[in-house]
Each structure stands twice: as structure tokens, then as C-alpha cells.
């Protein structure tokens, strides 16, 4: 006589769904935190103009000469260093299973030209948050690993049926 056994998950559909929603929410927030930790600092280096060329507004030759002469560097988004310090200091994460946001405290002048798209004034808020295709791919892989790790942590009640 054959022996039959099965595993029944107690509250399976709802429990699995709620675990998945929590795992994706945590992964979304973790991905934003990873961007902040890993990629934000690259926006304040000399290579940022080349790396994020599609988003950065070119500065005038006169401004670049003045910045090199007075400040001794041509780093984008860095004049006094206030923007760099305030954005890297902290980030407040919020999110759901569908999206996540990170709020950074920035000096007032970052959002001054937020709605102006005439091409003359730099959109500094967009320049700070720009990402490249390779960064998107790396963050997507991070998100996938984080979701998997969160799902593995979750325990679902199982009952062996005879």
C-alpha cells in the first residue's frame, strides 16, 4: 500500500503574498540606500561631467575658469561643499512594495530652478540624482538579491498531512 504525504501551507496565498509585499518593500528601500551609499559621491567628482553627460548642463567657459582660479578645482556641484556635505549626511527612506523614495536635505539653491528647462540654467536636483545605465543594472541586481534574501528569512507555517 503506497504512503501519501503532502505539505499544506497554513494560510498559504495570503501569507505568501504578505511576505512578498514586505520583502519587496524592504528591497526597494534598500536599493535607494545602496544608491545613496555607493553612487551619490560620484556626482561630486571631476569625472561626473563625463559620466552623467546626458543630464549635466555644461557650465560656461568663464565660470569654469573662475572656479579653477578661485577654488582650485572644477568639480561639478561643489562650490563651498555645502551640497556635498548635506546630501551625503543622511537620507530619509519611505516606500511601499511598488516604489520607494529617499529624501535628502539640500541647500535652498538646489531646487531654485527646478521647473526651468530652458537649457541655460543647470537643473541641479536632476544632476544630483542622475544614474547611468550600468548603475541601473547594478541596482536591479542588488534589488533582486535583497528581495530573495528577505523572502528566505520569512517562515511560513507548514503542516504535514497524512
N, C-alpha and C. Protein backbone atom coordinates (compact mmCIF):
# COMPACT_ATOMS: atom_id res chain seq x y z
N UNK A 1 0.85 -1.17 0.00
CA UNK A 1 0.00 0.00 0.00
C UNK A 1 0.89 1.24 0.00
N UNK A 2 0.68 2.15 -0.98
CA UNK A 2 1.52 3.35 -1.05
C UNK A 2 1.19 4.31 0.10
N UNK A 3 2.21 5.04 0.48
CA UNK A 3 2.05 6.04 1.53
C UNK A 3 2.00 7.41 0.86
N UNK A 4 1.04 8.18 1.23
CA UNK A 4 0.92 9.53 0.68
C UNK A 4 1.21 10.55 1.78
N UNK A 5 1.90 11.58 1.38
CA UNK A 5 2.16 12.68 2.31
C UNK A 5 2.15 13.97 1.49
N UNK A 6 1.81 15.02 2.10
CA UNK A 6 1.81 16.32 1.44
C UNK A 6 2.11 17.40 2.45
N UNK A 7 2.48 18.52 1.96
CA UNK A 7 2.74 19.67 2.84
C UNK A 7 1.69 20.72 2.53
N UNK A 8 0.97 21.09 3.53
CA UNK A 8 -0.04 22.13 3.38
C UNK A 8 0.46 23.39 4.07
N UNK A 9 0.45 24.49 3.35
CA UNK A 9 0.86 25.76 3.93
C UNK A 9 -0.37 26.41 4.55
N UNK A 10 -0.29 26.69 5.82
CA UNK A 10 -1.40 27.32 6.52
C UNK A 10 -1.52 28.75 6.03
N UNK A 11 -2.70 29.14 5.63
CA UNK A 11 -2.95 30.48 5.08
C UNK A 11 -2.01 30.78 3.92
N UNK A 12 -1.77 29.83 3.07
CA UNK A 12 -0.75 29.95 2.03
C UNK A 12 -0.88 31.17 1.14
N UNK A 13 -1.97 31.38 0.41
CA UNK A 13 -1.96 32.50 -0.52
C UNK A 13 -1.78 33.85 0.16
N UNK A 14 -2.50 34.09 1.24
CA UNK A 14 -2.39 35.38 1.91
C UNK A 14 -1.04 35.55 2.60
N UNK A 15 -0.55 34.50 3.22
CA UNK A 15 0.73 34.59 3.93
C UNK A 15 1.87 34.83 2.95
N UNK A 16 1.87 34.10 1.85
CA UNK A 16 2.94 34.27 0.86
C UNK A 16 2.87 35.68 0.26
N UNK A 17 1.67 36.14 -0.01
CA UNK A 17 1.52 37.49 -0.58
C UNK A 17 2.03 38.56 0.38
N UNK A 18 1.67 38.45 1.64
CA UNK A 18 2.12 39.47 2.60
C UNK A 18 3.63 39.40 2.80
N UNK A 19 4.20 38.18 2.78
CA UNK A 19 5.66 38.06 2.89
C UNK A 19 6.34 38.71 1.69
N UNK A 20 5.77 38.47 0.51
CA UNK A 20 6.35 39.02 -0.71
C UNK A 20 6.28 40.55 -0.70
N UNK A 21 5.15 41.09 -0.30
CA UNK A 21 4.98 42.55 -0.25
C UNK A 21 5.99 43.17 0.70
N UNK A 22 6.16 42.56 1.88
CA UNK A 22 7.15 43.07 2.84
C UNK A 22 8.57 42.96 2.30
N UNK A 23 8.86 41.86 1.62
CA UNK A 23 10.21 41.66 1.08
C UNK A 23 10.53 42.68 -0.01
N UNK A 24 9.57 42.93 -0.88
CA UNK A 24 9.79 43.90 -1.96
C UNK A 24 9.91 45.32 -1.40
N UNK A 25 9.11 45.64 -0.41
CA UNK A 25 9.20 46.97 0.22
C UNK A 25 10.58 47.18 0.83
N UNK A 26 11.06 46.19 1.56
CA UNK A 26 12.40 46.28 2.17
C UNK A 26 13.48 46.37 1.10
N UNK A 27 13.32 45.62 0.02
CA UNK A 27 14.31 45.66 -1.07
C UNK A 27 14.29 47.01 -1.78
N UNK A 28 13.11 47.59 -1.97
CA UNK A 28 13.02 48.92 -2.60
C UNK A 28 13.76 49.95 -1.77
N UNK A 29 13.51 49.96 -0.48
CA UNK A 29 14.19 50.92 0.39
C UNK A 29 15.68 50.64 0.46
N UNK A 30 16.05 49.38 0.47
CA UNK A 30 17.47 49.02 0.49
C UNK A 30 18.19 49.45 -0.76
N UNK A 31 17.51 49.40 -1.91
CA UNK A 31 18.11 49.82 -3.17
C UNK A 31 18.38 51.32 -3.17
N UNK A 32 17.45 52.09 -2.65
CA UNK A 32 17.66 53.55 -2.54
C UNK A 32 18.84 53.84 -1.61
N UNK A 33 18.90 53.14 -0.49
CA UNK A 33 20.01 53.33 0.45
C UNK A 33 21.34 52.93 -0.20
N UNK A 34 21.33 51.88 -1.01
CA UNK A 34 22.54 51.44 -1.70
C UNK A 34 23.00 52.49 -2.71
N UNK A 35 22.06 53.10 -3.44
CA UNK A 35 22.42 54.18 -4.36
C UNK A 35 23.06 55.33 -3.58
N UNK A 36 22.46 55.69 -2.47
CA UNK A 36 22.98 56.79 -1.66
C UNK A 36 24.38 56.48 -1.15
N UNK A 37 24.60 55.26 -0.69
CA UNK A 37 25.89 54.87 -0.14
C UNK A 37 26.95 54.72 -1.22
N UNK A 38 26.56 54.17 -2.36
CA UNK A 38 27.55 53.77 -3.36
C UNK A 38 27.77 54.78 -4.49
N UNK A 39 26.72 55.43 -4.97
CA UNK A 39 26.83 56.24 -6.19
C UNK A 39 26.73 57.75 -5.99
N UNK A 40 26.14 58.21 -4.91
CA UNK A 40 25.97 59.65 -4.74
C UNK A 40 27.30 60.38 -4.75
N UNK A 41 28.31 59.82 -4.13
CA UNK A 41 29.59 60.50 -4.04
C UNK A 41 30.23 60.75 -5.42
N UNK A 42 29.89 59.92 -6.40
CA UNK A 42 30.47 60.10 -7.74
C UNK A 42 29.95 61.35 -8.45
N UNK A 43 28.86 61.93 -7.97
CA UNK A 43 28.31 63.15 -8.57
C UNK A 43 29.15 64.38 -8.23
N UNK A 44 30.02 64.27 -7.26
CA UNK A 44 30.81 65.41 -6.81
C UNK A 44 32.28 65.27 -7.20
N UNK A 45 32.59 64.43 -8.17
CA UNK A 45 33.97 64.24 -8.62
C UNK A 45 34.17 64.91 -9.97
N UNK A 46 35.41 65.05 -10.37
CA UNK A 46 35.72 65.68 -11.65
C UNK A 46 35.19 64.89 -12.84
N UNK A 47 35.07 63.58 -12.69
CA UNK A 47 34.61 62.73 -13.80
C UNK A 47 33.09 62.77 -13.98
N UNK A 48 32.37 63.43 -13.12
CA UNK A 48 30.90 63.43 -13.18
C UNK A 48 30.37 64.03 -14.47
N UNK A 49 31.04 65.07 -15.01
CA UNK A 49 30.56 65.67 -16.26
C UNK A 49 30.57 64.64 -17.38
N UNK A 50 31.56 63.78 -17.41
CA UNK A 50 31.64 62.76 -18.47
C UNK A 50 30.72 61.58 -18.16
N UNK A 51 30.66 61.20 -16.91
CA UNK A 51 29.87 60.04 -16.52
C UNK A 51 28.37 60.28 -16.68
N UNK A 52 27.92 61.47 -16.33
CA UNK A 52 26.49 61.81 -16.39
C UNK A 52 26.25 62.90 -17.43
N UNK A 53 26.90 62.79 -18.57
CA UNK A 53 26.87 63.83 -19.60
C UNK A 53 25.45 64.13 -20.09
N UNK A 54 24.61 63.13 -20.12
CA UNK A 54 23.25 63.33 -20.64
C UNK A 54 22.43 64.25 -19.74
N UNK A 55 22.74 64.29 -18.46
CA UNK A 55 21.93 65.06 -17.51
C UNK A 55 22.58 66.39 -17.13
N UNK A 56 23.89 66.45 -17.11
CA UNK A 56 24.59 67.65 -16.65
C UNK A 56 24.53 68.76 -17.70
N UNK A 57 24.21 69.95 -17.24
CA UNK A 57 24.21 71.13 -18.10
C UNK A 57 25.63 71.67 -18.15
N UNK A 58 26.18 71.89 -19.35
CA UNK A 58 27.55 72.42 -19.42
C UNK A 58 27.63 73.82 -18.80
N UNK A 59 28.65 74.05 -18.04
CA UNK A 59 28.87 75.37 -17.45
C UNK A 59 29.66 76.22 -18.46
N UNK A 60 29.54 77.53 -18.31
CA UNK A 60 30.23 78.41 -19.24
C UNK A 60 31.75 78.34 -19.05
N UNK A 61 32.47 78.67 -20.08
CA UNK A 61 33.93 78.67 -20.01
C UNK A 61 34.41 79.67 -18.96
N UNK A 62 33.73 80.80 -18.90
CA UNK A 62 34.09 81.83 -17.92
C UNK A 62 33.92 81.31 -16.49
N UNK A 63 32.81 80.63 -16.23
CA UNK A 63 32.57 80.08 -14.90
C UNK A 63 33.61 79.01 -14.56
N UNK A 64 33.93 78.15 -15.51
CA UNK A 64 34.94 77.10 -15.26
C UNK A 64 36.31 77.70 -14.96
N UNK A 65 36.68 78.76 -15.70
CA UNK A 65 37.97 79.42 -15.42
C UNK A 65 37.97 80.07 -14.04
N UNK A 66 36.87 80.75 -13.71
CA UNK A 66 36.76 81.38 -12.39
C UNK A 66 36.87 80.34 -11.29
N UNK A 67 36.17 79.21 -11.45
CA UNK A 67 36.16 78.18 -10.43
C UNK A 67 37.55 77.57 -10.24
N UNK A 68 38.25 77.35 -11.35
CA UNK A 68 39.60 76.79 -11.25
C UNK A 68 40.55 77.79 -10.59
N UNK A 69 40.43 79.06 -10.95
CA UNK A 69 41.32 80.07 -10.41
C UNK A 69 41.03 80.35 -8.92
N UNK A 70 39.76 80.51 -8.55
CA UNK A 70 39.41 80.87 -7.18
C UNK A 70 39.35 79.68 -6.23
N UNK A 71 38.80 78.55 -6.71
CA UNK A 71 38.58 77.41 -5.82
C UNK A 71 39.60 76.29 -6.01
N UNK A 72 40.30 76.32 -7.13
CA UNK A 72 41.34 75.32 -7.37
C UNK A 72 40.84 73.98 -7.87
N UNK A 73 39.60 73.91 -8.32
CA UNK A 73 39.07 72.64 -8.86
C UNK A 73 37.93 72.93 -9.83
N UNK A 74 37.51 71.91 -10.55
CA UNK A 74 36.37 72.01 -11.46
C UNK A 74 35.31 70.97 -11.14
N UNK A 75 35.24 70.55 -9.92
CA UNK A 75 34.26 69.53 -9.54
C UNK A 75 32.84 70.07 -9.70
N UNK A 76 31.99 69.31 -10.36
CA UNK A 76 30.62 69.78 -10.52
C UNK A 76 29.86 69.71 -9.20
N UNK A 77 28.93 70.61 -9.04
CA UNK A 77 28.06 70.67 -7.87
C UNK A 77 28.81 70.98 -6.58
N UNK A 78 30.06 71.40 -6.68
CA UNK A 78 30.85 71.72 -5.49
C UNK A 78 31.37 73.14 -5.63
N UNK A 79 30.93 73.99 -4.72
CA UNK A 79 31.49 75.35 -4.63
C UNK A 79 32.01 75.53 -3.22
N UNK A 80 31.10 75.55 -2.26
CA UNK A 80 31.53 75.65 -0.86
C UNK A 80 31.59 74.27 -0.21
N UNK A 81 30.95 73.28 -0.82
CA UNK A 81 30.91 71.93 -0.25
C UNK A 81 29.66 71.67 0.56
N UNK A 82 28.78 72.67 0.67
CA UNK A 82 27.56 72.51 1.48
C UNK A 82 26.64 71.46 0.89
N UNK A 83 26.49 71.45 -0.42
CA UNK A 83 25.61 70.47 -1.06
C UNK A 83 26.15 69.06 -0.84
N UNK A 84 27.44 68.90 -1.03
CA UNK A 84 28.06 67.59 -0.87
C UNK A 84 27.90 67.08 0.56
N UNK A 85 28.14 67.93 1.52
CA UNK A 85 28.02 67.53 2.93
C UNK A 85 26.58 67.19 3.30
N UNK A 86 25.65 68.05 2.91
CA UNK A 86 24.27 67.84 3.34
C UNK A 86 23.63 66.64 2.66
N UNK A 87 23.93 66.37 1.41
CA UNK A 87 23.31 65.22 0.74
C UNK A 87 23.90 63.90 1.22
N UNK A 88 25.16 63.89 1.54
CA UNK A 88 25.80 62.64 1.96
C UNK A 88 25.58 62.34 3.44
N UNK A 89 25.13 63.33 4.20
CA UNK A 89 24.98 63.15 5.63
C UNK A 89 23.87 62.16 5.98
N UNK A 90 22.69 62.34 5.40
CA UNK A 90 21.59 61.44 5.77
C UNK A 90 20.56 61.40 4.65
N UNK A 91 19.76 60.35 4.70
CA UNK A 91 18.67 60.19 3.74
C UNK A 91 17.50 59.57 4.50
N UNK A 92 16.31 60.06 4.23
CA UNK A 92 15.11 59.52 4.88
C UNK A 92 14.38 58.65 3.86
N UNK A 93 14.23 57.38 4.18
CA UNK A 93 13.63 56.43 3.26
C UNK A 93 12.15 56.23 3.56
N UNK A 94 11.35 56.23 2.52
CA UNK A 94 9.94 55.87 2.62
C UNK A 94 9.64 54.98 1.43
N UNK A 95 8.62 54.17 1.55
CA UNK A 95 8.30 53.35 0.40
C UNK A 95 7.21 52.36 0.63
N UNK A 96 6.80 51.75 -0.45
CA UNK A 96 5.82 50.69 -0.46
C UNK A 96 6.39 49.55 -1.27
N UNK A 97 5.56 48.56 -1.55
CA UNK A 97 6.03 47.45 -2.37
C UNK A 97 6.11 47.85 -3.85
N UNK A 98 5.55 48.98 -4.20
CA UNK A 98 5.58 49.44 -5.59
C UNK A 98 6.69 50.44 -5.88
N UNK A 99 7.08 51.24 -4.89
CA UNK A 99 8.14 52.23 -5.11
C UNK A 99 8.73 52.65 -3.77
N UNK A 100 9.85 53.34 -3.87
CA UNK A 100 10.50 53.87 -2.67
C UNK A 100 11.08 55.23 -3.01
N UNK A 101 11.22 56.07 -2.00
CA UNK A 101 11.80 57.40 -2.17
C UNK A 101 12.81 57.63 -1.08
N UNK A 102 13.82 58.38 -1.43
CA UNK A 102 14.79 58.81 -0.45
C UNK A 102 14.84 60.33 -0.46
N UNK A 103 14.68 60.93 0.69
CA UNK A 103 14.72 62.39 0.78
C UNK A 103 16.01 62.82 1.43
N UNK A 104 16.72 63.70 0.73
CA UNK A 104 17.97 64.25 1.25
C UNK A 104 17.74 65.73 1.55
N UNK A 105 18.39 66.19 2.56
CA UNK A 105 18.35 67.62 2.85
C UNK A 105 19.39 68.30 1.97
N UNK A 106 18.94 69.29 1.22
CA UNK A 106 19.84 70.02 0.33
C UNK A 106 19.70 71.52 0.59
N UNK A 107 20.74 72.29 0.26
CA UNK A 107 20.63 73.75 0.40
C UNK A 107 19.52 74.29 -0.50
N UNK A 108 19.03 75.44 -0.18
CA UNK A 108 17.88 76.03 -0.88
C UNK A 108 18.12 76.19 -2.38
N UNK A 109 19.35 76.47 -2.79
CA UNK A 109 19.61 76.80 -4.19
C UNK A 109 19.57 75.58 -5.12
N UNK A 110 19.47 74.39 -4.59
CA UNK A 110 19.39 73.20 -5.44
C UNK A 110 18.05 73.15 -6.18
N UNK A 111 16.98 73.54 -5.52
CA UNK A 111 15.65 73.46 -6.13
C UNK A 111 15.15 74.78 -6.70
N UNK A 112 15.99 75.79 -6.78
CA UNK A 112 15.55 77.10 -7.26
C UNK A 112 15.05 77.03 -8.70
N UNK A 113 15.80 76.39 -9.58
CA UNK A 113 15.43 76.33 -11.00
C UNK A 113 14.76 75.00 -11.35
N UNK A 114 14.08 74.41 -10.41
CA UNK A 114 13.53 73.07 -10.58
C UNK A 114 12.62 72.95 -11.80
N UNK A 115 11.87 73.99 -12.12
CA UNK A 115 10.91 73.90 -13.22
C UNK A 115 11.41 74.59 -14.49
N UNK A 116 12.60 75.09 -14.48
CA UNK A 116 13.11 75.82 -15.64
C UNK A 116 13.91 74.87 -16.53
N UNK A 117 13.49 74.73 -17.76
CA UNK A 117 14.15 73.81 -18.68
C UNK A 117 14.58 74.54 -19.95
N UNK A 118 15.09 75.73 -19.81
CA UNK A 118 15.49 76.50 -20.99
C UNK A 118 16.89 76.13 -21.48
N UNK A 119 17.58 75.27 -20.78
CA UNK A 119 18.91 74.84 -21.20
C UNK A 119 20.04 75.72 -20.72
N UNK A 120 19.72 76.87 -20.17
CA UNK A 120 20.77 77.78 -19.72
C UNK A 120 21.16 77.53 -18.28
N UNK A 121 20.19 77.34 -17.44
CA UNK A 121 20.48 77.14 -16.02
C UNK A 121 20.52 75.65 -15.69
N UNK A 122 21.49 75.25 -14.90
CA UNK A 122 21.57 73.83 -14.57
C UNK A 122 20.43 73.38 -13.67
N UNK A 123 19.92 72.21 -13.93
CA UNK A 123 18.89 71.59 -13.10
C UNK A 123 19.64 70.75 -12.06
N UNK A 124 20.08 71.39 -11.00
CA UNK A 124 20.97 70.73 -10.05
C UNK A 124 20.31 69.55 -9.35
N UNK A 125 19.00 69.63 -9.10
CA UNK A 125 18.34 68.50 -8.46
C UNK A 125 18.38 67.26 -9.35
N UNK A 126 18.27 67.43 -10.67
CA UNK A 126 18.37 66.30 -11.59
C UNK A 126 19.81 65.82 -11.73
N UNK A 127 20.75 66.75 -11.66
CA UNK A 127 22.16 66.37 -11.77
C UNK A 127 22.59 65.53 -10.56
N UNK A 128 22.07 65.85 -9.40
CA UNK A 128 22.44 65.09 -8.19
C UNK A 128 21.89 63.67 -8.24
N UNK A 129 20.70 63.50 -8.82
CA UNK A 129 20.05 62.18 -8.80
C UNK A 129 20.20 61.41 -10.11
N UNK A 130 21.03 61.86 -11.02
CA UNK A 130 21.22 61.17 -12.29
C UNK A 130 21.84 59.79 -12.08
N UNK A 131 21.46 58.84 -12.92
CA UNK A 131 22.04 57.49 -12.89
C UNK A 131 22.38 57.06 -14.31
N UNK A 132 23.41 56.23 -14.42
CA UNK A 132 23.80 55.70 -15.72
C UNK A 132 23.14 54.33 -15.92
N UNK A 133 23.23 53.83 -17.13
CA UNK A 133 22.64 52.52 -17.44
C UNK A 133 23.31 51.41 -16.63
N UNK A 134 24.62 51.50 -16.47
CA UNK A 134 25.32 50.47 -15.69
C UNK A 134 24.93 50.52 -14.22
N UNK A 135 24.70 51.72 -13.69
CA UNK A 135 24.25 51.85 -12.30
C UNK A 135 22.86 51.25 -12.14
N UNK A 136 21.99 51.47 -13.11
CA UNK A 136 20.64 50.90 -13.05
C UNK A 136 20.71 49.38 -13.03
N UNK A 137 21.58 48.82 -13.87
CA UNK A 137 21.71 47.37 -13.93
C UNK A 137 22.25 46.82 -12.61
N UNK A 138 23.24 47.46 -12.04
CA UNK A 138 23.81 47.02 -10.77
C UNK A 138 22.79 47.12 -9.64
N UNK A 139 22.02 48.21 -9.62
CA UNK A 139 20.99 48.37 -8.59
C UNK A 139 19.85 47.37 -8.76
N UNK A 140 19.53 47.01 -10.01
CA UNK A 140 18.50 46.00 -10.24
C UNK A 140 18.96 44.64 -9.71
N UNK A 141 20.22 44.32 -9.91
CA UNK A 141 20.77 43.07 -9.37
C UNK A 141 20.76 43.09 -7.84
N UNK A 142 21.10 44.23 -7.27
CA UNK A 142 21.06 44.38 -5.82
C UNK A 142 19.64 44.17 -5.31
N UNK A 143 18.66 44.76 -5.99
CA UNK A 143 17.26 44.63 -5.61
C UNK A 143 16.82 43.16 -5.66
N UNK A 144 17.23 42.46 -6.70
CA UNK A 144 16.87 41.05 -6.84
C UNK A 144 17.45 40.22 -5.69
N UNK A 145 18.72 40.45 -5.37
CA UNK A 145 19.35 39.72 -4.27
C UNK A 145 18.70 40.07 -2.93
N UNK A 146 18.36 41.34 -2.74
CA UNK A 146 17.75 41.77 -1.48
C UNK A 146 16.35 41.16 -1.33
N UNK A 147 15.59 41.12 -2.40
CA UNK A 147 14.25 40.51 -2.34
C UNK A 147 14.36 39.03 -2.01
N UNK A 148 15.27 38.34 -2.66
CA UNK A 148 15.46 36.91 -2.41
C UNK A 148 15.87 36.66 -0.97
N UNK A 149 16.79 37.48 -0.47
CA UNK A 149 17.25 37.32 0.91
C UNK A 149 16.11 37.55 1.90
N UNK A 150 15.28 38.55 1.64
CA UNK A 150 14.14 38.83 2.52
C UNK A 150 13.13 37.68 2.49
N UNK A 151 12.89 37.13 1.32
CA UNK A 151 11.94 36.02 1.21
C UNK A 151 12.46 34.77 1.92
N UNK A 152 13.76 34.55 1.88
CA UNK A 152 14.33 33.39 2.56
C UNK A 152 14.22 33.52 4.08
N UNK A 153 14.20 34.74 4.57
CA UNK A 153 14.07 34.96 6.01
C UNK A 153 12.68 34.60 6.52
N UNK A 154 11.68 34.79 5.67
CA UNK A 154 10.29 34.57 6.09
C UNK A 154 10.01 33.09 6.30
N UNK A 155 9.36 32.78 7.36
CA UNK A 155 8.96 31.41 7.66
C UNK A 155 7.44 31.31 7.49
N UNK A 156 7.02 30.30 6.78
CA UNK A 156 5.60 30.04 6.62
C UNK A 156 5.28 28.77 7.39
N UNK A 157 4.18 28.79 8.09
CA UNK A 157 3.79 27.61 8.86
C UNK A 157 3.44 26.47 7.90
N UNK A 158 3.99 25.29 8.21
CA UNK A 158 3.69 24.12 7.39
C UNK A 158 3.14 23.02 8.28
N UNK A 159 2.27 22.24 7.72
CA UNK A 159 1.69 21.13 8.46
C UNK A 159 1.74 19.92 7.53
N UNK A 160 2.28 18.84 8.02
CA UNK A 160 2.37 17.62 7.22
C UNK A 160 1.04 16.90 7.32
N UNK A 161 0.47 16.60 6.16
CA UNK A 161 -0.80 15.88 6.10
C UNK A 161 -0.53 14.42 5.79
N UNK A 162 -1.27 13.58 6.41
CA UNK A 162 -1.14 12.13 6.16
C UNK A 162 -2.28 11.63 5.33
